[in-house]
Amino acid sequence: MYVNIKKIKDPEMVIEEFQDQYGTINSLSQRVSISKCTTKNEMEDLMVWKYLRSGAEFTEEIVLHNSDIFHILTPKRMELVDYLTKNKVTSIRKLSEVVHRNYKNTYDDLLALEKVGLVEFKRSGKSRIPTSFIVGIETIFEG
């Protein structure tokens, strides 16, 4: 059994990651054009960056296998993912109040969900605002 999760990543966050890693799209383009690529992903990253700048969406798939599924996708964590996909929150504290959970447990669960890519954090000053862009979760039983 495995779980296939589809999510749409925030294009701004993906572009920020590219900027942190490569600087500008022009510098990455130059590296690719003069064959100074240090990883095989640089050409792919350049293409994705160009598409995102033109307004395209970025869909990512996450696959969790047997041992990971029930350890990661607990009912309380799925409640957080569900809430975050349907609502905007302004802080982890507000989220914990809305779902009637202890702040520390909410925070710990968000960190666990972040590790597998189900939750992302945006910086707003000193705060970290949790978000989720999950568009589908499919459980597949192999027989």
N, C-alpha and C. Protein backbone atom coordinates (compact mmCIF):
# COMPACT_ATOMS: atom_id res chain seq x y z
N MET A 1 0.84 -1.17 0.00
CA MET A 1 0.00 0.00 0.00
C MET A 1 0.89 1.24 0.00
N TYR A 2 0.44 2.26 -0.73
CA TYR A 2 1.12 3.53 -0.69
C TYR A 2 0.11 4.65 -0.90
N VAL A 3 0.53 5.85 -0.52
CA VAL A 3 -0.32 7.02 -0.67
C VAL A 3 0.36 7.97 -1.64
N ASN A 4 -0.38 8.40 -2.64
CA ASN A 4 0.11 9.35 -3.63
C ASN A 4 -0.56 10.69 -3.36
N ILE A 5 0.21 11.70 -3.10
CA ILE A 5 -0.31 13.01 -2.74
C ILE A 5 0.07 14.01 -3.82
N LYS A 6 -0.90 14.75 -4.30
CA LYS A 6 -0.64 15.77 -5.32
C LYS A 6 -0.82 17.13 -4.67
N LYS A 7 0.10 18.02 -4.96
CA LYS A 7 -0.03 19.37 -4.44
C LYS A 7 0.44 20.38 -5.46
N ILE A 8 -0.15 21.54 -5.38
CA ILE A 8 0.28 22.66 -6.22
C ILE A 8 1.16 23.53 -5.34
N LYS A 9 2.38 23.71 -5.76
CA LYS A 9 3.28 24.56 -4.99
C LYS A 9 3.05 26.01 -5.36
N ASP A 10 3.19 26.87 -4.40
CA ASP A 10 3.07 28.30 -4.62
C ASP A 10 4.21 28.74 -5.55
N PRO A 11 3.88 29.26 -6.74
CA PRO A 11 4.93 29.65 -7.69
C PRO A 11 5.93 30.64 -7.10
N GLU A 12 5.46 31.57 -6.28
CA GLU A 12 6.37 32.54 -5.66
C GLU A 12 7.40 31.85 -4.78
N MET A 13 6.96 30.82 -4.03
CA MET A 13 7.90 30.10 -3.16
C MET A 13 8.93 29.33 -3.98
N VAL A 14 8.50 28.73 -5.08
CA VAL A 14 9.43 27.99 -5.94
C VAL A 14 10.46 28.95 -6.54
N ILE A 15 9.99 30.10 -7.01
CA ILE A 15 10.90 31.09 -7.59
C ILE A 15 11.88 31.60 -6.53
N GLU A 16 11.40 31.82 -5.29
CA GLU A 16 12.31 32.24 -4.21
C GLU A 16 13.37 31.19 -3.95
N GLU A 17 12.98 29.90 -3.99
CA GLU A 17 13.96 28.83 -3.80
C GLU A 17 15.02 28.86 -4.91
N PHE A 18 14.56 29.06 -6.15
CA PHE A 18 15.50 29.15 -7.27
C PHE A 18 16.43 30.35 -7.10
N GLN A 19 15.89 31.49 -6.67
CA GLN A 19 16.72 32.68 -6.48
C GLN A 19 17.76 32.45 -5.39
N ASP A 20 17.36 31.77 -4.32
CA ASP A 20 18.31 31.46 -3.25
C ASP A 20 19.43 30.54 -3.76
N GLN A 21 19.06 29.60 -4.61
CA GLN A 21 20.02 28.63 -5.10
C GLN A 21 20.89 29.15 -6.25
N TYR A 22 20.27 29.92 -7.18
CA TYR A 22 21.00 30.30 -8.40
C TYR A 22 21.23 31.80 -8.58
N GLY A 23 20.61 32.63 -7.75
CA GLY A 23 20.72 34.07 -7.95
C GLY A 23 19.60 34.57 -8.85
N THR A 24 19.89 34.75 -10.12
CA THR A 24 18.87 35.22 -11.06
C THR A 24 18.64 34.16 -12.13
N ILE A 25 17.53 34.31 -12.82
CA ILE A 25 17.25 33.39 -13.93
C ILE A 25 18.29 33.56 -15.03
N ASN A 26 18.79 34.78 -15.20
CA ASN A 26 19.83 35.02 -16.21
C ASN A 26 21.13 34.30 -15.87
N SER A 27 21.51 34.30 -14.60
CA SER A 27 22.75 33.62 -14.24
C SER A 27 22.61 32.11 -14.43
N LEU A 28 21.43 31.55 -14.11
CA LEU A 28 21.21 30.13 -14.34
C LEU A 28 21.21 29.83 -15.84
N SER A 29 20.56 30.68 -16.60
CA SER A 29 20.50 30.51 -18.06
C SER A 29 21.91 30.51 -18.66
N GLN A 30 22.74 31.40 -18.16
CA GLN A 30 24.12 31.47 -18.65
C GLN A 30 24.90 30.20 -18.31
N ARG A 31 24.73 29.70 -17.09
CA ARG A 31 25.41 28.47 -16.68
C ARG A 31 25.00 27.32 -17.58
N VAL A 32 23.72 27.24 -17.88
CA VAL A 32 23.21 26.15 -18.71
C VAL A 32 23.73 26.30 -20.14
N SER A 33 23.72 27.51 -20.66
CA SER A 33 24.11 27.71 -22.06
C SER A 33 25.60 27.48 -22.31
N ILE A 34 26.44 27.69 -21.29
CA ILE A 34 27.88 27.46 -21.51
C ILE A 34 28.35 26.13 -20.89
N SER A 35 27.37 25.28 -20.62
CA SER A 35 27.66 23.93 -20.11
C SER A 35 28.46 23.92 -18.81
N LYS A 36 28.14 24.84 -17.93
CA LYS A 36 28.79 24.87 -16.62
C LYS A 36 27.87 24.30 -15.54
N CYS A 37 26.90 23.47 -15.94
CA CYS A 37 25.96 22.87 -14.99
C CYS A 37 26.72 21.96 -14.03
N THR A 38 26.40 22.06 -12.77
CA THR A 38 27.03 21.19 -11.77
C THR A 38 26.11 20.04 -11.37
N THR A 39 24.82 20.16 -11.69
CA THR A 39 23.89 19.05 -11.45
C THR A 39 22.99 18.87 -12.66
N LYS A 40 22.43 17.69 -12.81
CA LYS A 40 21.56 17.44 -13.95
C LYS A 40 20.23 18.17 -13.82
N ASN A 41 19.92 18.69 -12.65
CA ASN A 41 18.65 19.37 -12.44
C ASN A 41 18.64 20.83 -12.90
N GLU A 42 19.78 21.38 -13.19
CA GLU A 42 19.83 22.81 -13.52
C GLU A 42 19.06 23.15 -14.79
N MET A 43 19.14 22.31 -15.80
CA MET A 43 18.37 22.54 -17.03
C MET A 43 16.87 22.46 -16.73
N GLU A 44 16.49 21.46 -15.97
CA GLU A 44 15.08 21.31 -15.59
C GLU A 44 14.61 22.51 -14.76
N ASP A 45 15.42 22.94 -13.82
CA ASP A 45 15.08 24.10 -12.98
C ASP A 45 14.89 25.36 -13.83
N LEU A 46 15.74 25.53 -14.83
CA LEU A 46 15.63 26.68 -15.72
C LEU A 46 14.30 26.65 -16.47
N MET A 47 13.93 25.49 -16.97
CA MET A 47 12.67 25.37 -17.70
C MET A 47 11.48 25.64 -16.79
N VAL A 48 11.51 25.08 -15.59
CA VAL A 48 10.42 25.30 -14.63
C VAL A 48 10.33 26.78 -14.28
N TRP A 49 11.46 27.42 -14.03
CA TRP A 49 11.50 28.85 -13.67
C TRP A 49 10.86 29.68 -14.78
N LYS A 50 11.21 29.38 -16.03
CA LYS A 50 10.64 30.12 -17.16
C LYS A 50 9.13 29.93 -17.23
N TYR A 51 8.66 28.71 -17.03
CA TYR A 51 7.22 28.45 -17.07
C TYR A 51 6.50 29.16 -15.92
N LEU A 52 7.10 29.15 -14.75
CA LEU A 52 6.46 29.81 -13.60
C LEU A 52 6.36 31.32 -13.83
N ARG A 53 7.38 31.90 -14.44
CA ARG A 53 7.33 33.33 -14.74
C ARG A 53 6.23 33.67 -15.74
N SER A 54 5.86 32.70 -16.56
CA SER A 54 4.81 32.94 -17.56
C SER A 54 3.41 32.62 -17.01
N GLY A 55 3.32 32.27 -15.72
CA GLY A 55 2.02 32.05 -15.10
C GLY A 55 1.62 30.60 -14.93
N ALA A 56 2.49 29.67 -15.23
CA ALA A 56 2.16 28.24 -15.11
C ALA A 56 2.09 27.82 -13.64
N GLU A 57 1.35 26.73 -13.37
CA GLU A 57 1.30 26.15 -12.04
C GLU A 57 2.38 25.09 -11.91
N PHE A 58 2.77 24.82 -10.68
CA PHE A 58 3.79 23.81 -10.41
C PHE A 58 3.13 22.72 -9.57
N THR A 59 2.96 21.54 -10.16
CA THR A 59 2.35 20.43 -9.44
C THR A 59 3.44 19.44 -9.06
N GLU A 60 3.36 19.00 -7.82
CA GLU A 60 4.36 18.07 -7.29
C GLU A 60 3.64 16.84 -6.77
N GLU A 61 4.26 15.68 -6.89
CA GLU A 61 3.69 14.46 -6.33
C GLU A 61 4.61 13.95 -5.23
N ILE A 62 3.97 13.54 -4.14
CA ILE A 62 4.70 12.97 -3.00
C ILE A 62 4.14 11.57 -2.81
N VAL A 63 5.02 10.58 -2.70
CA VAL A 63 4.57 9.20 -2.50
C VAL A 63 5.09 8.73 -1.15
N LEU A 64 4.16 8.27 -0.31
CA LEU A 64 4.52 7.70 0.99
C LEU A 64 4.24 6.20 0.93
N HIS A 65 5.21 5.39 1.34
CA HIS A 65 5.06 3.94 1.30
C HIS A 65 4.72 3.39 2.67
N ASN A 66 4.41 2.11 2.71
CA ASN A 66 3.88 1.40 3.87
C ASN A 66 4.28 1.92 5.24
N SER A 67 5.55 1.88 5.55
CA SER A 67 5.98 2.21 6.91
C SER A 67 5.78 3.68 7.25
N ASP A 68 5.80 4.55 6.26
CA ASP A 68 5.66 5.98 6.51
C ASP A 68 4.21 6.42 6.72
N ILE A 69 3.29 5.74 6.08
CA ILE A 69 1.92 6.24 5.97
C ILE A 69 1.28 6.53 7.32
N PHE A 70 1.18 5.52 8.16
CA PHE A 70 0.43 5.69 9.40
C PHE A 70 1.22 6.45 10.46
N HIS A 71 2.52 6.46 10.31
CA HIS A 71 3.35 7.23 11.24
C HIS A 71 3.20 8.73 10.95
N ILE A 72 3.13 9.08 9.67
CA ILE A 72 3.07 10.49 9.28
C ILE A 72 1.64 11.01 9.20
N LEU A 73 0.74 10.23 8.60
CA LEU A 73 -0.62 10.71 8.36
C LEU A 73 -1.57 10.31 9.49
N THR A 74 -1.29 10.83 10.67
CA THR A 74 -2.18 10.57 11.80
C THR A 74 -3.46 11.39 11.61
N PRO A 75 -4.55 11.01 12.26
CA PRO A 75 -5.79 11.78 12.12
C PRO A 75 -5.63 13.27 12.49
N LYS A 76 -4.89 13.57 13.53
CA LYS A 76 -4.70 14.96 13.94
C LYS A 76 -3.90 15.75 12.90
N ARG A 77 -2.91 15.12 12.32
CA ARG A 77 -2.11 15.79 11.28
C ARG A 77 -2.93 15.99 10.01
N MET A 78 -3.74 15.00 9.67
CA MET A 78 -4.59 15.15 8.49
C MET A 78 -5.62 16.26 8.71
N GLU A 79 -6.05 16.43 9.95
CA GLU A 79 -6.96 17.53 10.27
C GLU A 79 -6.27 18.88 10.00
N LEU A 80 -5.00 18.99 10.36
CA LEU A 80 -4.25 20.22 10.09
C LEU A 80 -4.11 20.46 8.59
N VAL A 81 -3.74 19.42 7.85
CA VAL A 81 -3.59 19.56 6.39
C VAL A 81 -4.92 19.97 5.78
N ASP A 82 -5.98 19.32 6.19
CA ASP A 82 -7.31 19.64 5.66
C ASP A 82 -7.68 21.09 5.93
N TYR A 83 -7.45 21.54 7.15
CA TYR A 83 -7.77 22.92 7.50
C TYR A 83 -6.94 23.90 6.67
N LEU A 84 -5.64 23.62 6.55
CA LEU A 84 -4.75 24.53 5.83
C LEU A 84 -5.04 24.58 4.33
N THR A 85 -5.56 23.50 3.76
CA THR A 85 -5.88 23.53 2.33
C THR A 85 -7.14 24.34 2.06
N LYS A 86 -7.98 24.49 3.07
CA LYS A 86 -9.26 25.19 2.88
C LYS A 86 -9.27 26.61 3.44
N ASN A 87 -8.30 26.94 4.29
CA ASN A 87 -8.31 28.23 5.00
C ASN A 87 -6.92 28.85 5.05
N LYS A 88 -6.89 30.15 5.07
CA LYS A 88 -5.63 30.87 5.31
C LYS A 88 -5.52 31.09 6.81
N VAL A 89 -4.33 30.92 7.32
CA VAL A 89 -4.09 31.22 8.74
C VAL A 89 -3.01 32.28 8.83
N THR A 90 -3.02 33.01 9.91
CA THR A 90 -2.06 34.08 10.10
C THR A 90 -0.91 33.70 11.02
N SER A 91 -1.08 32.59 11.76
CA SER A 91 -0.02 32.15 12.66
C SER A 91 -0.29 30.72 13.13
N ILE A 92 0.73 30.09 13.65
CA ILE A 92 0.58 28.76 14.20
C ILE A 92 -0.31 28.81 15.44
N ARG A 93 -0.17 29.85 16.22
CA ARG A 93 -0.99 30.00 17.43
C ARG A 93 -2.48 30.07 17.07
N LYS A 94 -2.81 30.86 16.06
CA LYS A 94 -4.22 30.98 15.63
C LYS A 94 -4.72 29.62 15.13
N LEU A 95 -3.88 28.92 14.38
CA LEU A 95 -4.26 27.60 13.88
C LEU A 95 -4.56 26.66 15.05
N SER A 96 -3.68 26.64 16.04
CA SER A 96 -3.89 25.75 17.18
C SER A 96 -5.18 26.08 17.93
N GLU A 97 -5.53 27.37 18.00
CA GLU A 97 -6.78 27.76 18.65
C GLU A 97 -7.99 27.29 17.85
N VAL A 98 -7.93 27.46 16.53
CA VAL A 98 -9.06 27.09 15.67
C VAL A 98 -9.33 25.59 15.70
N VAL A 99 -8.27 24.79 15.72
CA VAL A 99 -8.45 23.33 15.73
C VAL A 99 -8.49 22.76 17.15
N HIS A 100 -8.49 23.66 18.14
CA HIS A 100 -8.62 23.28 19.56
C HIS A 100 -7.53 22.29 19.99
N ARG A 101 -6.28 22.68 19.70
CA ARG A 101 -5.15 21.85 20.07
C ARG A 101 -4.10 22.68 20.78
N ASN A 102 -3.28 22.01 21.53
CA ASN A 102 -2.15 22.63 22.21
C ASN A 102 -1.18 23.18 21.17
N TYR A 103 -0.61 24.36 21.44
CA TYR A 103 0.30 25.01 20.50
C TYR A 103 1.49 24.12 20.18
N LYS A 104 2.14 23.55 21.19
CA LYS A 104 3.35 22.74 20.97
C LYS A 104 3.05 21.52 20.12
N ASN A 105 1.94 20.83 20.39
CA ASN A 105 1.58 19.65 19.58
C ASN A 105 1.28 20.06 18.14
N THR A 106 0.60 21.18 17.97
CA THR A 106 0.31 21.68 16.62
C THR A 106 1.61 21.99 15.90
N TYR A 107 2.51 22.69 16.56
CA TYR A 107 3.80 23.05 15.98
C TYR A 107 4.60 21.81 15.60
N ASP A 108 4.67 20.84 16.51
CA ASP A 108 5.42 19.60 16.24
C ASP A 108 4.84 18.85 15.05
N ASP A 109 3.51 18.79 14.98
CA ASP A 109 2.87 18.11 13.85
C ASP A 109 3.14 18.85 12.54
N LEU A 110 3.13 20.17 12.57
CA LEU A 110 3.42 20.95 11.36
C LEU A 110 4.85 20.69 10.88
N LEU A 111 5.78 20.60 11.82
CA LEU A 111 7.18 20.30 11.44
C LEU A 111 7.30 18.92 10.80
N ALA A 112 6.58 17.94 11.36
CA ALA A 112 6.61 16.60 10.80
C ALA A 112 6.01 16.60 9.39
N LEU A 113 4.94 17.34 9.20
CA LEU A 113 4.29 17.43 7.89
C LEU A 113 5.18 18.20 6.90
N GLU A 114 5.93 19.17 7.40
CA GLU A 114 6.84 19.92 6.54
C GLU A 114 7.95 19.01 6.01
N LYS A 115 8.44 18.10 6.84
CA LYS A 115 9.54 17.21 6.43
C LYS A 115 9.19 16.36 5.23
N VAL A 116 7.90 16.01 5.09
CA VAL A 116 7.49 15.19 3.95
C VAL A 116 6.85 16.03 2.85
N GLY A 117 6.82 17.34 3.02
CA GLY A 117 6.35 18.22 1.97
C GLY A 117 4.86 18.50 1.94
N LEU A 118 4.14 18.11 2.99
CA LEU A 118 2.70 18.34 3.01
C LEU A 118 2.33 19.72 3.52
N VAL A 119 3.24 20.37 4.22
CA VAL A 119 3.04 21.72 4.73
C VAL A 119 4.29 22.53 4.42
N GLU A 120 4.08 23.78 4.08
CA GLU A 120 5.19 24.71 3.86
C GLU A 120 4.99 25.91 4.76
N PHE A 121 6.09 26.58 5.06
CA PHE A 121 6.02 27.79 5.88
C PHE A 121 6.45 28.99 5.06
N LYS A 122 5.70 30.07 5.21
CA LYS A 122 6.09 31.35 4.62
C LYS A 122 6.52 32.25 5.76
N ARG A 123 7.56 33.01 5.52
CA ARG A 123 8.03 33.97 6.52
C ARG A 123 7.21 35.25 6.42
N SER A 124 6.84 35.77 7.56
CA SER A 124 6.19 37.07 7.65
C SER A 124 6.79 37.76 8.86
N GLY A 125 7.83 38.54 8.63
CA GLY A 125 8.57 39.12 9.75
C GLY A 125 9.28 38.00 10.48
N LYS A 126 9.02 37.89 11.78
CA LYS A 126 9.63 36.83 12.58
C LYS A 126 8.76 35.58 12.63
N SER A 127 7.53 35.70 12.14
CA SER A 127 6.58 34.59 12.19
C SER A 127 6.75 33.65 11.01
N ARG A 128 6.37 32.41 11.24
CA ARG A 128 6.30 31.40 10.18
C ARG A 128 4.83 31.04 10.02
N ILE A 129 4.30 31.24 8.82
CA ILE A 129 2.90 30.99 8.57
C ILE A 129 2.76 29.68 7.79
N PRO A 130 2.05 28.69 8.37
CA PRO A 130 1.91 27.40 7.69
C PRO A 130 0.88 27.47 6.55
N THR A 131 1.19 26.77 5.46
CA THR A 131 0.27 26.68 4.33
C THR A 131 0.35 25.26 3.76
N SER A 132 -0.69 24.87 3.05
CA SER A 132 -0.68 23.59 2.38
C SER A 132 -1.39 23.75 1.05
N PHE A 133 -0.82 23.17 0.02
CA PHE A 133 -1.38 23.28 -1.32
C PHE A 133 -1.76 21.91 -1.87
N ILE A 134 -2.17 21.01 -0.98
CA ILE A 134 -2.57 19.66 -1.37
C ILE A 134 -3.85 19.74 -2.19
N VAL A 135 -3.88 19.07 -3.32
CA VAL A 135 -5.08 19.04 -4.15
C VAL A 135 -5.68 17.64 -4.23
N GLY A 136 -4.98 16.64 -3.74
CA GLY A 136 -5.53 15.30 -3.77
C GLY A 136 -4.67 14.30 -3.04
N ILE A 137 -5.31 13.36 -2.36
CA ILE A 137 -4.61 12.27 -1.69
C ILE A 137 -5.30 10.98 -2.13
N GLU A 138 -4.50 10.04 -2.64
CA GLU A 138 -5.03 8.80 -3.16
C GLU A 138 -4.30 7.65 -2.47
N THR A 139 -5.06 6.72 -1.88
CA THR A 139 -4.48 5.54 -1.27
C THR A 139 -4.57 4.40 -2.27
N ILE A 140 -3.47 3.71 -2.50
CA ILE A 140 -3.42 2.63 -3.48
C ILE A 140 -3.02 1.35 -2.78
N PHE A 141 -3.87 0.33 -2.90
CA PHE A 141 -3.60 -0.97 -2.33
C PHE A 141 -3.09 -1.88 -3.44
N GLU A 142 -1.93 -2.44 -3.24
CA GLU A 142 -1.35 -3.34 -4.24
C GLU A 142 -1.69 -4.77 -3.85
N GLY A 143 -2.05 -5.56 -4.81
CA GLY A 143 -2.46 -6.91 -4.46
C GLY A 143 -1.81 -7.96 -5.26
